[in-house]
Amino acid sequence: MSTDDRPSYEQARTELVETVRLLEAGGTSLEESLALWERGEELAGICQTWLAGARERLDAVLADREDDEE
């Protein structure tokens, strides 16, 4: 998935919450449940990538501030 196709963090999180809700509600076939699980894993990875990128940006800003203070 390219970054152009990747949903925003908020979009991925919202879809992940809905996916988990559907899985917890039950009533889906095994095939549907597996597809939901796979999509949930993909969405969780997307969210993790966004969060890791945000952490890197924060760390860079904090490091620049520390350098400026020295």
N, C-alpha and C. Protein backbone atom coordinates (compact mmCIF):
# COMPACT_ATOMS: atom_id res chain seq x y z
N MET A 1 0.86 -1.19 0.00
CA MET A 1 0.00 0.00 0.00
C MET A 1 0.89 1.23 0.00
N SER A 2 0.72 2.09 -0.97
CA SER A 2 1.52 3.31 -1.02
C SER A 2 0.95 4.31 -0.02
N THR A 3 1.76 5.32 0.29
CA THR A 3 1.30 6.34 1.23
C THR A 3 0.12 7.11 0.69
N ASP A 4 -0.02 7.16 -0.65
CA ASP A 4 -1.17 7.84 -1.25
C ASP A 4 -2.47 7.07 -0.98
N ASP A 5 -2.36 5.74 -0.90
CA ASP A 5 -3.52 4.89 -0.68
C ASP A 5 -3.80 4.67 0.80
N ARG A 6 -2.83 4.97 1.64
CA ARG A 6 -2.96 4.69 3.06
C ARG A 6 -3.93 5.66 3.71
N PRO A 7 -4.86 5.13 4.51
CA PRO A 7 -5.79 6.02 5.19
C PRO A 7 -5.07 6.81 6.28
N SER A 8 -5.67 7.92 6.69
CA SER A 8 -5.10 8.68 7.79
C SER A 8 -5.19 7.83 9.06
N TYR A 9 -4.47 8.25 10.09
CA TYR A 9 -4.54 7.54 11.37
C TYR A 9 -5.98 7.47 11.86
N GLU A 10 -6.67 8.60 11.80
CA GLU A 10 -8.04 8.66 12.30
C GLU A 10 -8.98 7.75 11.52
N GLN A 11 -8.80 7.71 10.19
CA GLN A 11 -9.63 6.83 9.36
C GLN A 11 -9.36 5.36 9.69
N ALA A 12 -8.09 5.01 9.80
CA ALA A 12 -7.72 3.63 10.10
C ALA A 12 -8.23 3.23 11.48
N ARG A 13 -8.10 4.11 12.45
CA ARG A 13 -8.56 3.80 13.81
C ARG A 13 -10.07 3.62 13.85
N THR A 14 -10.79 4.49 13.17
CA THR A 14 -12.26 4.38 13.14
C THR A 14 -12.68 3.06 12.50
N GLU A 15 -12.05 2.71 11.39
CA GLU A 15 -12.38 1.44 10.73
C GLU A 15 -11.98 0.25 11.61
N LEU A 16 -10.86 0.37 12.31
CA LEU A 16 -10.44 -0.71 13.21
C LEU A 16 -11.44 -0.91 14.34
N VAL A 17 -11.91 0.18 14.92
CA VAL A 17 -12.91 0.08 15.99
C VAL A 17 -14.16 -0.62 15.48
N GLU A 18 -14.61 -0.26 14.28
CA GLU A 18 -15.79 -0.89 13.70
C GLU A 18 -15.54 -2.37 13.39
N THR A 19 -14.35 -2.69 12.93
CA THR A 19 -14.00 -4.08 12.63
C THR A 19 -14.03 -4.92 13.90
N VAL A 20 -13.46 -4.40 14.97
CA VAL A 20 -13.47 -5.11 16.25
C VAL A 20 -14.90 -5.28 16.75
N ARG A 21 -15.72 -4.25 16.60
CA ARG A 21 -17.11 -4.33 17.03
C ARG A 21 -17.83 -5.46 16.28
N LEU A 22 -17.62 -5.54 14.98
CA LEU A 22 -18.25 -6.59 14.18
C LEU A 22 -17.78 -7.98 14.61
N LEU A 23 -16.49 -8.11 14.87
CA LEU A 23 -15.97 -9.40 15.31
C LEU A 23 -16.54 -9.79 16.67
N GLU A 24 -16.61 -8.83 17.58
CA GLU A 24 -17.13 -9.12 18.91
C GLU A 24 -18.62 -9.43 18.89
N ALA A 25 -19.35 -8.85 17.95
CA ALA A 25 -20.79 -9.08 17.87
C ALA A 25 -21.10 -10.49 17.40
N GLY A 26 -20.17 -11.08 16.65
CA GLY A 26 -20.39 -12.44 16.15
C GLY A 26 -21.43 -12.43 15.04
N GLY A 27 -21.92 -13.62 14.73
CA GLY A 27 -22.94 -13.74 13.70
C GLY A 27 -22.41 -13.72 12.29
N THR A 28 -21.09 -13.76 12.13
CA THR A 28 -20.53 -13.79 10.78
C THR A 28 -20.00 -15.20 10.52
N SER A 29 -19.89 -15.52 9.26
CA SER A 29 -19.35 -16.83 8.89
C SER A 29 -17.85 -16.86 9.21
N LEU A 30 -17.31 -18.05 9.20
CA LEU A 30 -15.88 -18.20 9.43
C LEU A 30 -15.08 -17.40 8.41
N GLU A 31 -15.48 -17.48 7.16
CA GLU A 31 -14.77 -16.75 6.10
C GLU A 31 -14.85 -15.23 6.33
N GLU A 32 -16.01 -14.74 6.69
CA GLU A 32 -16.17 -13.30 6.97
C GLU A 32 -15.34 -12.90 8.19
N SER A 33 -15.36 -13.73 9.21
CA SER A 33 -14.58 -13.44 10.42
C SER A 33 -13.09 -13.38 10.11
N LEU A 34 -12.62 -14.32 9.29
CA LEU A 34 -11.20 -14.30 8.91
C LEU A 34 -10.85 -13.05 8.12
N ALA A 35 -11.73 -12.66 7.21
CA ALA A 35 -11.49 -11.44 6.43
C ALA A 35 -11.46 -10.21 7.34
N LEU A 36 -12.37 -10.16 8.31
CA LEU A 36 -12.39 -9.05 9.27
C LEU A 36 -11.11 -9.05 10.10
N TRP A 37 -10.69 -10.22 10.54
CA TRP A 37 -9.47 -10.32 11.34
C TRP A 37 -8.26 -9.82 10.54
N GLU A 38 -8.16 -10.26 9.30
CA GLU A 38 -7.04 -9.83 8.45
C GLU A 38 -7.07 -8.32 8.23
N ARG A 39 -8.25 -7.77 8.00
CA ARG A 39 -8.35 -6.32 7.82
C ARG A 39 -7.98 -5.60 9.11
N GLY A 40 -8.41 -6.15 10.24
CA GLY A 40 -8.05 -5.56 11.52
C GLY A 40 -6.55 -5.53 11.74
N GLU A 41 -5.88 -6.62 11.39
CA GLU A 41 -4.42 -6.67 11.50
C GLU A 41 -3.77 -5.61 10.62
N GLU A 42 -4.28 -5.48 9.40
CA GLU A 42 -3.75 -4.47 8.48
C GLU A 42 -3.95 -3.07 9.04
N LEU A 43 -5.15 -2.80 9.56
CA LEU A 43 -5.44 -1.48 10.12
C LEU A 43 -4.59 -1.19 11.36
N ALA A 44 -4.40 -2.19 12.19
CA ALA A 44 -3.55 -2.02 13.37
C ALA A 44 -2.12 -1.66 12.95
N GLY A 45 -1.64 -2.30 11.90
CA GLY A 45 -0.30 -1.98 11.38
C GLY A 45 -0.22 -0.56 10.85
N ILE A 46 -1.26 -0.14 10.16
CA ILE A 46 -1.30 1.24 9.64
C ILE A 46 -1.26 2.23 10.80
N CYS A 47 -2.05 1.98 11.83
CA CYS A 47 -2.06 2.86 12.99
C CYS A 47 -0.69 2.89 13.66
N GLN A 48 -0.07 1.72 13.79
CA GLN A 48 1.25 1.65 14.41
C GLN A 48 2.28 2.43 13.59
N THR A 49 2.21 2.35 12.28
CA THR A 49 3.13 3.10 11.42
C THR A 49 2.96 4.60 11.63
N TRP A 50 1.71 5.06 11.67
CA TRP A 50 1.45 6.48 11.91
C TRP A 50 2.01 6.91 13.27
N LEU A 51 1.76 6.10 14.30
CA LEU A 51 2.23 6.46 15.64
C LEU A 51 3.76 6.46 15.73
N ALA A 52 4.40 5.50 15.07
CA ALA A 52 5.86 5.47 15.06
C ALA A 52 6.42 6.70 14.35
N GLY A 53 5.79 7.10 13.26
CA GLY A 53 6.23 8.31 12.56
C GLY A 53 6.06 9.56 13.40
N ALA A 54 4.95 9.62 14.12
CA ALA A 54 4.71 10.77 15.00
C ALA A 54 5.75 10.80 16.11
N ARG A 55 6.09 9.62 16.66
CA ARG A 55 7.10 9.54 17.72
C ARG A 55 8.46 10.01 17.21
N GLU A 56 8.81 9.60 16.00
CA GLU A 56 10.08 10.03 15.42
C GLU A 56 10.13 11.54 15.26
N ARG A 57 9.03 12.12 14.81
CA ARG A 57 8.98 13.58 14.64
C ARG A 57 9.12 14.29 15.97
N LEU A 58 8.43 13.79 16.99
CA LEU A 58 8.54 14.39 18.32
C LEU A 58 9.95 14.28 18.86
N ASP A 59 10.55 13.10 18.71
CA ASP A 59 11.92 12.92 19.18
C ASP A 59 12.88 13.87 18.49
N ALA A 60 12.68 14.10 17.19
CA ALA A 60 13.55 15.01 16.44
C ALA A 60 13.40 16.44 16.95
N VAL A 61 12.16 16.86 17.20
CA VAL A 61 11.93 18.21 17.71
C VAL A 61 12.57 18.37 19.09
N LEU A 62 12.38 17.39 19.95
CA LEU A 62 12.95 17.46 21.29
C LEU A 62 14.47 17.46 21.25
N ALA A 63 15.05 16.70 20.34
CA ALA A 63 16.51 16.67 20.21
C ALA A 63 17.02 18.02 19.72
N ASP A 64 16.30 18.65 18.78
CA ASP A 64 16.70 19.98 18.30
C ASP A 64 16.62 21.00 19.42
N ARG A 65 15.62 20.92 20.24
CA ARG A 65 15.51 21.86 21.36
C ARG A 65 16.66 21.68 22.34
N GLU A 66 16.99 20.44 22.62
CA GLU A 66 18.12 20.17 23.54
C GLU A 66 19.41 20.73 22.96
N ASP A 67 19.61 20.55 21.64
CA ASP A 67 20.81 21.07 20.99
C ASP A 67 20.86 22.58 21.07
N ASP A 68 19.71 23.24 20.91
CA ASP A 68 19.65 24.71 20.96
C ASP A 68 19.93 25.23 22.37
N GLU A 69 19.60 24.46 23.38
CA GLU A 69 19.79 24.89 24.77
C GLU A 69 21.24 24.76 25.21
N GLU A 70 22.02 23.94 24.50
CA GLU A 70 23.41 23.71 24.91
C GLU A 70 24.33 24.78 24.42
